[in-house]
Amino acid sequence: MRPFDGFNILNPFTKFPTFAYMQLSEIIEPIISAPLLHAKWLNTLSMMENTGARKISASESKSKVTLMVLKHAAEEARHAYYLKKQIAKIDSALCEDYSFANLLAPAKSFFYLHQLDIEISRYLKTEMGLGGESLKYGAYLLVTYAIEVRADELYPVYQDALTKAQSNINVKSIITEEEGHLAEMLHQMNGFFEEWEIHAREALKYEKALYEEWIKALAKEIILIKQRAGI
């Protein structure tokens, strides 16, 4: 069985078949084969992890900050740093910052988490009447849950491709930590929401739509870059 074949929404640790693995691997494998694309891919993932860390910090209460939230923010920031550092194994002169020219599918990548946060916050306002710190925390839980489910698919696929290519880059430590984040989110959602499964389904629905747009944008970007570079 693949390292990740999908999540059952009611029990994310129960596997079930999906075509997402194949779709994602078809995009990642050509990325790894081209140094410029690979550097931009790492930089894009780093930017998205950094955005996650910043959003976690922005959602924090002024006084009621738990160890779990601090740990999560710190680990997301570490992931951003780790991914960024891996670029030097390809070429240290590439992708110095997060400017659009240094990202893959920059617009979709940059606004992915922002848009998911907006959609889920709107949902929580409308369906649960949440506001203030409760809204921020509820959105943090659902956004993080949806992203961790996706990360538990994406990083193992990426690692498989790296192993196959015998790359000196690896994301094994990130995979381990993301699995821990998902378990933490399940525990926190169960305590915050009366029927967390219903809200989790909605969060995954919003994320899936954004993910599909992102994958399409990545595919188009890769084709254009390879054509221009004659790769």
C-alpha atoms as a PDB file:
ATOM      1  CA  MET A   1       0.000   0.000   0.000  1.00  0.00           C
ATOM      2  CA  ARG A   2       1.148   3.560  -0.690  1.00  0.00           C
ATOM      3  CA  PRO A   3       2.257   5.654   2.317  1.00  0.00           C
ATOM      4  CA  PHE A   4      -1.020   7.556   1.876  1.00  0.00           C
ATOM      5  CA  ASP A   5      -4.050   6.467  -0.105  1.00  0.00           C
ATOM      6  CA  GLY A   6      -6.623   8.896   1.257  1.00  0.00           C
ATOM      7  CA  PHE A   7      -8.450   9.671   4.488  1.00  0.00           C
ATOM      8  CA  ASN A   8     -11.827   8.566   5.708  1.00  0.00           C
ATOM      9  CA  ILE A   9     -13.396  11.832   6.878  1.00  0.00           C
ATOM     10  CA  LEU A  10     -14.811  10.288  10.047  1.00  0.00           C
ATOM     11  CA  ASN A  11     -11.562   8.506  10.857  1.00  0.00           C
ATOM     12  CA  PRO A  12      -8.641  10.096   9.000  1.00  0.00           C
ATOM     13  CA  PHE A  13      -6.354   7.225   9.888  1.00  0.00           C
ATOM     14  CA  THR A  14      -8.492   4.725   7.951  1.00  0.00           C
ATOM     15  CA  LYS A  15      -7.210   4.391   4.384  1.00  0.00           C
ATOM     16  CA  PHE A  16      -9.338   4.170   1.282  1.00  0.00           C
ATOM     17  CA  PRO A  17      -8.458   4.242  -2.453  1.00  0.00           C
ATOM     18  CA  THR A  18      -8.095   7.537  -4.301  1.00  0.00           C
ATOM     19  CA  PHE A  19      -6.727   8.742  -7.631  1.00  0.00           C
ATOM     20  CA  ALA A  20      -5.066  11.765  -5.993  1.00  0.00           C
ATOM     21  CA  TYR A  21      -1.796   9.911  -5.478  1.00  0.00           C
ATOM     22  CA  MET A  22      -1.357   9.221  -9.192  1.00  0.00           C
ATOM     23  CA  GLN A  23      -2.415  12.742 -10.189  1.00  0.00           C
ATOM     24  CA  LEU A  24       0.049  14.341  -7.805  1.00  0.00           C
ATOM     25  CA  SER A  25       2.949  12.032  -8.671  1.00  0.00           C
ATOM     26  CA  GLU A  26       2.507  12.821 -12.363  1.00  0.00           C
ATOM     27  CA  ILE A  27       3.175  16.477 -11.540  1.00  0.00           C
ATOM     28  CA  ILE A  28       5.934  16.018  -8.956  1.00  0.00           C
ATOM     29  CA  GLU A  29       8.122  13.611 -10.933  1.00  0.00           C
ATOM     30  CA  PRO A  30       8.815  16.045 -13.823  1.00  0.00           C
ATOM     31  CA  ILE A  31       9.396  18.830 -11.288  1.00  0.00           C
ATOM     32  CA  ILE A  32      12.169  16.843  -9.613  1.00  0.00           C
ATOM     33  CA  SER A  33      13.820  16.109 -12.954  1.00  0.00           C
ATOM     34  CA  ALA A  34      14.378  19.829 -13.694  1.00  0.00           C
ATOM     35  CA  PRO A  35      16.584  21.764 -11.180  1.00  0.00           C
ATOM     36  CA  LEU A  36      14.862  25.137 -11.709  1.00  0.00           C
ATOM     37  CA  LEU A  37      11.401  23.625 -11.303  1.00  0.00           C
ATOM     38  CA  HIS A  38      12.508  21.686  -8.244  1.00  0.00           C
ATOM     39  CA  ALA A  39      13.942  24.796  -6.585  1.00  0.00           C
ATOM     40  CA  LYS A  40      10.718  26.696  -7.260  1.00  0.00           C
ATOM     41  CA  TRP A  41       8.679  23.769  -5.919  1.00  0.00           C
ATOM     42  CA  LEU A  42      10.643  23.740  -2.662  1.00  0.00           C
ATOM     43  CA  ASN A  43      10.321  27.504  -2.419  1.00  0.00           C
ATOM     44  CA  THR A  44       6.574  27.296  -3.040  1.00  0.00           C
ATOM     45  CA  LEU A  45       6.111  24.692  -0.304  1.00  0.00           C
ATOM     46  CA  SER A  46       8.278  26.782   2.023  1.00  0.00           C
ATOM     47  CA  MET A  47       6.154  29.863   1.354  1.00  0.00           C
ATOM     48  CA  MET A  48       2.950  27.937   2.048  1.00  0.00           C
ATOM     49  CA  GLU A  49       4.336  26.514   5.305  1.00  0.00           C
ATOM     50  CA  ASN A  50       5.432  30.008   6.323  1.00  0.00           C
ATOM     51  CA  THR A  51       1.972  31.358   5.533  1.00  0.00           C
ATOM     52  CA  GLY A  52       0.531  28.649   7.773  1.00  0.00           C
ATOM     53  CA  ALA A  53       2.839  29.611  10.629  1.00  0.00           C
ATOM     54  CA  ARG A  54       1.860  33.264  10.282  1.00  0.00           C
ATOM     55  CA  LYS A  55      -1.839  32.433  10.201  1.00  0.00           C
ATOM     56  CA  ILE A  56      -1.547  30.346  13.350  1.00  0.00           C
ATOM     57  CA  SER A  57       0.108  33.268  15.139  1.00  0.00           C
ATOM     58  CA  ALA A  58      -2.568  35.660  13.859  1.00  0.00           C
ATOM     59  CA  SER A  59      -5.344  33.394  15.209  1.00  0.00           C
ATOM     60  CA  GLU A  60      -3.895  33.277  18.728  1.00  0.00           C
ATOM     61  CA  SER A  61      -5.746  34.736  21.684  1.00  0.00           C
ATOM     62  CA  LYS A  62      -3.917  37.554  23.458  1.00  0.00           C
ATOM     63  CA  SER A  63      -3.793  35.489  26.644  1.00  0.00           C
ATOM     64  CA  LYS A  64      -5.196  31.971  26.094  1.00  0.00           C
ATOM     65  CA  VAL A  65      -2.335  30.498  24.086  1.00  0.00           C
ATOM     66  CA  THR A  66      -1.788  26.774  24.595  1.00  0.00           C
ATOM     67  CA  LEU A  67       1.423  24.794  24.320  1.00  0.00           C
ATOM     68  CA  MET A  68      -0.106  22.890  21.401  1.00  0.00           C
ATOM     69  CA  VAL A  69      -0.692  26.079  19.392  1.00  0.00           C
ATOM     70  CA  LEU A  70       2.830  27.345  20.097  1.00  0.00           C
ATOM     71  CA  LYS A  71       4.291  23.978  19.113  1.00  0.00           C
ATOM     72  CA  HIS A  72       2.293  23.901  15.899  1.00  0.00           C
ATOM     73  CA  ALA A  73       3.309  27.433  14.877  1.00  0.00           C
ATOM     74  CA  ALA A  74       6.962  26.693  15.641  1.00  0.00           C
ATOM     75  CA  GLU A  75       6.940  23.463  13.629  1.00  0.00           C
ATOM     76  CA  GLU A  76       5.288  25.089  10.617  1.00  0.00           C
ATOM     77  CA  ALA A  77       7.955  27.804  10.684  1.00  0.00           C
ATOM     78  CA  ARG A  78      10.627  25.109  10.958  1.00  0.00           C
ATOM     79  CA  HIS A  79       9.165  23.349   7.925  1.00  0.00           C
ATOM     80  CA  ALA A  80       9.365  26.598   5.960  1.00  0.00           C
ATOM     81  CA  TYR A  81      13.006  27.017   6.965  1.00  0.00           C
ATOM     82  CA  TYR A  82      13.884  23.378   6.272  1.00  0.00           C
ATOM     83  CA  LEU A  83      12.333  23.409   2.798  1.00  0.00           C
ATOM     84  CA  LYS A  84      13.988  26.702   1.957  1.00  0.00           C
ATOM     85  CA  LYS A  85      17.355  25.345   3.077  1.00  0.00           C
ATOM     86  CA  GLN A  86      17.010  22.324   0.766  1.00  0.00           C
ATOM     87  CA  ILE A  87      17.191  24.626  -2.267  1.00  0.00           C
ATOM     88  CA  ALA A  88      20.934  25.029  -1.679  1.00  0.00           C
ATOM     89  CA  LYS A  89      21.335  21.319  -2.508  1.00  0.00           C
ATOM     90  CA  ILE A  90      20.151  22.206  -6.014  1.00  0.00           C
ATOM     91  CA  ASP A  91      21.672  25.681  -6.446  1.00  0.00           C
ATOM     92  CA  SER A  92      22.152  28.223  -3.641  1.00  0.00           C
ATOM     93  CA  ALA A  93      21.680  31.085  -6.112  1.00  0.00           C
ATOM     94  CA  LEU A  94      18.083  30.099  -6.876  1.00  0.00           C
ATOM     95  CA  CYS A  95      14.896  31.391  -5.216  1.00  0.00           C
ATOM     96  CA  GLU A  96      16.271  33.796  -2.634  1.00  0.00           C
ATOM     97  CA  ASP A  97      12.815  35.050  -1.625  1.00  0.00           C
ATOM     98  CA  TYR A  98       9.093  34.421  -2.100  1.00  0.00           C
ATOM     99  CA  SER A  99       8.582  36.829  -4.993  1.00  0.00           C
ATOM    100  CA  PHE A 100       6.209  35.505  -7.650  1.00  0.00           C
ATOM    101  CA  ALA A 101       9.067  34.868 -10.090  1.00  0.00           C
ATOM    102  CA  ASN A 102      10.482  32.333  -7.607  1.00  0.00           C
ATOM    103  CA  LEU A 103       7.251  30.366  -7.097  1.00  0.00           C
ATOM    104  CA  LEU A 104       5.290  27.805  -9.076  1.00  0.00           C
ATOM    105  CA  ALA A 105       1.713  28.881  -9.897  1.00  0.00           C
ATOM    106  CA  PRO A 106       2.376  31.946  -7.728  1.00  0.00           C
ATOM    107  CA  ALA A 107      -1.108  33.445  -7.503  1.00  0.00           C
ATOM    108  CA  LYS A 108      -2.854  30.153  -6.660  1.00  0.00           C
ATOM    109  CA  SER A 109      -0.054  29.127  -4.291  1.00  0.00           C
ATOM    110  CA  PHE A 110       0.105  32.458  -2.486  1.00  0.00           C
ATOM    111  CA  PHE A 111      -3.646  32.799  -1.908  1.00  0.00           C
ATOM    112  CA  TYR A 112      -4.398  29.102  -1.230  1.00  0.00           C
ATOM    113  CA  LEU A 113      -4.437  29.369   2.566  1.00  0.00           C
ATOM    114  CA  HIS A 114      -5.845  32.882   2.575  1.00  0.00           C
ATOM    115  CA  GLN A 115      -8.827  31.828   0.493  1.00  0.00           C
ATOM    116  CA  LEU A 116      -9.400  28.686   2.558  1.00  0.00           C
ATOM    117  CA  ASP A 117      -9.392  30.796   5.727  1.00  0.00           C
ATOM    118  CA  ILE A 118     -11.931  33.198   4.205  1.00  0.00           C
ATOM    119  CA  GLU A 119     -14.248  30.395   3.080  1.00  0.00           C
ATOM    120  CA  ILE A 120     -14.165  28.537   6.395  1.00  0.00           C
ATOM    121  CA  SER A 121     -14.545  31.719   8.455  1.00  0.00           C
ATOM    122  CA  ARG A 122     -17.600  32.653   6.382  1.00  0.00           C
ATOM    123  CA  TYR A 123     -19.016  29.165   6.917  1.00  0.00           C
ATOM    124  CA  LEU A 124     -18.514  29.340  10.705  1.00  0.00           C
ATOM    125  CA  LYS A 125     -20.124  32.790  10.879  1.00  0.00           C
ATOM    126  CA  THR A 126     -23.136  31.665   8.875  1.00  0.00           C
ATOM    127  CA  GLU A 127     -23.663  28.153  10.241  1.00  0.00           C
ATOM    128  CA  MET A 128     -22.563  28.579  13.862  1.00  0.00           C
ATOM    129  CA  GLY A 129     -22.793  32.328  14.445  1.00  0.00           C
ATOM    130  CA  LEU A 130     -19.211  32.455  15.698  1.00  0.00           C
ATOM    131  CA  GLY A 131     -17.359  35.718  16.116  1.00  0.00           C
ATOM    132  CA  GLY A 132     -14.300  37.186  17.790  1.00  0.00           C
ATOM    133  CA  GLU A 133     -11.759  34.804  19.281  1.00  0.00           C
ATOM    134  CA  SER A 134     -14.109  31.826  18.932  1.00  0.00           C
ATOM    135  CA  LEU A 135     -14.303  32.417  15.199  1.00  0.00           C
ATOM    136  CA  LYS A 136     -10.526  32.736  14.904  1.00  0.00           C
ATOM    137  CA  TYR A 137      -9.923  29.552  16.870  1.00  0.00           C
ATOM    138  CA  GLY A 138     -12.636  27.566  15.098  1.00  0.00           C
ATOM    139  CA  ALA A 139     -11.257  28.639  11.716  1.00  0.00           C
ATOM    140  CA  TYR A 140      -7.736  27.765  12.848  1.00  0.00           C
ATOM    141  CA  LEU A 141      -8.871  24.242  13.734  1.00  0.00           C
ATOM    142  CA  LEU A 142     -10.736  23.575  10.497  1.00  0.00           C
ATOM    143  CA  VAL A 143      -8.210  25.230   8.188  1.00  0.00           C
ATOM    144  CA  THR A 144      -5.386  23.368   9.882  1.00  0.00           C
ATOM    145  CA  TYR A 145      -7.274  20.074   9.767  1.00  0.00           C
ATOM    146  CA  ALA A 146      -7.942  20.382   6.034  1.00  0.00           C
ATOM    147  CA  ILE A 147      -4.350  21.375   5.304  1.00  0.00           C
ATOM    148  CA  GLU A 148      -2.913  18.564   7.435  1.00  0.00           C
ATOM    149  CA  VAL A 149      -5.053  16.001   5.598  1.00  0.00           C
ATOM    150  CA  ARG A 150      -3.669  17.379   2.348  1.00  0.00           C
ATOM    151  CA  ALA A 151      -0.099  17.479   3.680  1.00  0.00           C
ATOM    152  CA  ASP A 152      -0.384  13.835   4.730  1.00  0.00           C
ATOM    153  CA  GLU A 153      -1.061  13.071   1.085  1.00  0.00           C
ATOM    154  CA  LEU A 154       1.373  15.468  -0.587  1.00  0.00           C
ATOM    155  CA  TYR A 155       4.584  14.937   1.367  1.00  0.00           C
ATOM    156  CA  PRO A 156       4.658  11.116   1.129  1.00  0.00           C
ATOM    157  CA  VAL A 157       4.071  11.356  -2.629  1.00  0.00           C
ATOM    158  CA  TYR A 158       6.899  13.878  -2.858  1.00  0.00           C
ATOM    159  CA  GLN A 159       9.151  11.683  -0.725  1.00  0.00           C
ATOM    160  CA  ASP A 160       8.416   8.660  -2.926  1.00  0.00           C
ATOM    161  CA  ALA A 161       9.447  10.656  -5.990  1.00  0.00           C
ATOM    162  CA  LEU A 162      12.622  11.868  -4.244  1.00  0.00           C
ATOM    163  CA  THR A 163      13.549   8.318  -3.258  1.00  0.00           C
ATOM    164  CA  LYS A 164      12.876   7.045  -6.781  1.00  0.00           C
ATOM    165  CA  ALA A 165      15.103   9.798  -8.209  1.00  0.00           C
ATOM    166  CA  GLN A 166      17.813   9.046  -5.599  1.00  0.00           C
ATOM    167  CA  SER A 167      17.739  12.698  -4.569  1.00  0.00           C
ATOM    168  CA  ASN A 168      19.743  13.968  -1.611  1.00  0.00           C
ATOM    169  CA  ILE A 169      16.687  15.977  -0.572  1.00  0.00           C
ATOM    170  CA  ASN A 170      14.136  14.395   1.770  1.00  0.00           C
ATOM    171  CA  VAL A 171      11.034  15.459   3.695  1.00  0.00           C
ATOM    172  CA  LYS A 172      10.746  12.524   6.100  1.00  0.00           C
ATOM    173  CA  SER A 173      10.895  14.690   9.233  1.00  0.00           C
ATOM    174  CA  ILE A 174       8.057  16.857   7.905  1.00  0.00           C
ATOM    175  CA  ILE A 175       5.920  13.770   7.233  1.00  0.00           C
ATOM    176  CA  THR A 176       6.313  12.628  10.835  1.00  0.00           C
ATOM    177  CA  GLU A 177       5.417  16.013  12.293  1.00  0.00           C
ATOM    178  CA  GLU A 178       2.423  16.535   9.986  1.00  0.00           C
ATOM    179  CA  GLU A 179       0.968  13.208  11.136  1.00  0.00           C
ATOM    180  CA  GLY A 180       1.256  14.446  14.713  1.00  0.00           C
ATOM    181  CA  HIS A 181      -0.460  17.725  13.814  1.00  0.00           C
ATOM    182  CA  LEU A 182      -3.415  15.872  12.340  1.00  0.00           C
ATOM    183  CA  ALA A 183      -3.888  13.796  15.486  1.00  0.00           C
ATOM    184  CA  GLU A 184      -3.756  16.982  17.574  1.00  0.00           C
ATOM    185  CA  MET A 185      -6.371  18.685  15.377  1.00  0.00           C
ATOM    186  CA  LEU A 186      -8.768  15.761  15.733  1.00  0.00           C
ATOM    187  CA  HIS A 187      -8.489  15.962  19.512  1.00  0.00           C
ATOM    188  CA  GLN A 188      -8.981  19.748  19.575  1.00  0.00           C
ATOM    189  CA  MET A 189     -11.917  19.702  17.146  1.00  0.00           C
ATOM    190  CA  ASN A 190     -13.667  17.049  19.201  1.00  0.00           C
ATOM    191  CA  GLY A 191     -13.457  19.362  22.205  1.00  0.00           C
ATOM    192  CA  PHE A 192     -14.473  22.576  20.395  1.00  0.00           C
ATOM    193  CA  PHE A 193     -17.264  21.449  18.047  1.00  0.00           C
ATOM    194  CA  GLU A 194     -20.320  19.439  19.116  1.00  0.00           C
ATOM    195  CA  GLU A 195     -20.442  17.663  15.751  1.00  0.00           C
ATOM    196  CA  TRP A 196     -16.921  18.093  14.452  1.00  0.00           C
ATOM    197  CA  GLU A 197     -17.375  15.537  11.646  1.00  0.00           C
ATOM    198  CA  ILE A 198     -19.957  17.745   9.899  1.00  0.00           C
ATOM    199  CA  HIS A 199     -17.713  20.793  10.025  1.00  0.00           C
ATOM    200  CA  ALA A 200     -14.670  18.759   9.000  1.00  0.00           C
ATOM    201  CA  ARG A 201     -16.517  17.593   5.884  1.00  0.00           C
ATOM    202  CA  GLU A 202     -17.246  21.182   4.938  1.00  0.00           C
ATOM    203  CA  ALA A 203     -13.637  22.210   5.506  1.00  0.00           C
ATOM    204  CA  LEU A 204     -12.388  19.408   3.251  1.00  0.00           C
ATOM    205  CA  LYS A 205     -14.913  20.350   0.590  1.00  0.00           C
ATOM    206  CA  TYR A 206     -13.619  23.925   0.456  1.00  0.00           C
ATOM    207  CA  GLU A 207     -10.012  22.759   0.479  1.00  0.00           C
ATOM    208  CA  LYS A 208     -10.592  20.195  -2.277  1.00  0.00           C
ATOM    209  CA  ALA A 209     -11.898  22.873  -4.650  1.00  0.00           C
ATOM    210  CA  LEU A 210      -8.858  25.074  -3.989  1.00  0.00           C
ATOM    211  CA  TYR A 211      -6.492  22.121  -4.313  1.00  0.00           C
ATOM    212  CA  GLU A 212      -7.890  21.152  -7.707  1.00  0.00           C
ATOM    213  CA  GLU A 213      -7.436  24.719  -8.953  1.00  0.00           C
ATOM    214  CA  TRP A 214      -3.868  24.704  -7.602  1.00  0.00           C
ATOM    215  CA  ILE A 215      -3.000  21.408  -9.318  1.00  0.00           C
ATOM    216  CA  LYS A 216      -4.323  22.694 -12.649  1.00  0.00           C
ATOM    217  CA  ALA A 217      -2.316  25.910 -12.266  1.00  0.00           C
ATOM    218  CA  LEU A 218       0.823  23.916 -11.410  1.00  0.00           C
ATOM    219  CA  ALA A 219       0.438  21.712 -14.461  1.00  0.00           C
ATOM    220  CA  LYS A 220       0.048  24.730 -16.753  1.00  0.00           C
ATOM    221  CA  GLU A 221       3.010  26.502 -15.150  1.00  0.00           C
ATOM    222  CA  ILE A 222       5.283  23.484 -15.510  1.00  0.00           C
ATOM    223  CA  ILE A 223       4.430  23.088 -19.198  1.00  0.00           C
ATOM    224  CA  LEU A 224       5.131  26.775 -19.874  1.00  0.00           C
ATOM    225  CA  ILE A 225       8.440  26.808 -17.979  1.00  0.00           C
ATOM    226  CA  LYS A 226       9.675  23.660 -19.685  1.00  0.00           C
ATOM    227  CA  GLN A 227       8.706  25.002 -23.108  1.00  0.00           C
ATOM    228  CA  ARG A 228      10.507  28.298 -22.514  1.00  0.00           C
ATOM    229  CA  ALA A 229      13.607  26.581 -21.183  1.00  0.00           C
ATOM    230  CA  GLY A 230      13.544  23.892 -23.851  1.00  0.00           C
ATOM    231  CA  ILE A 231      13.510  21.202 -21.176  1.00  0.00           C
END
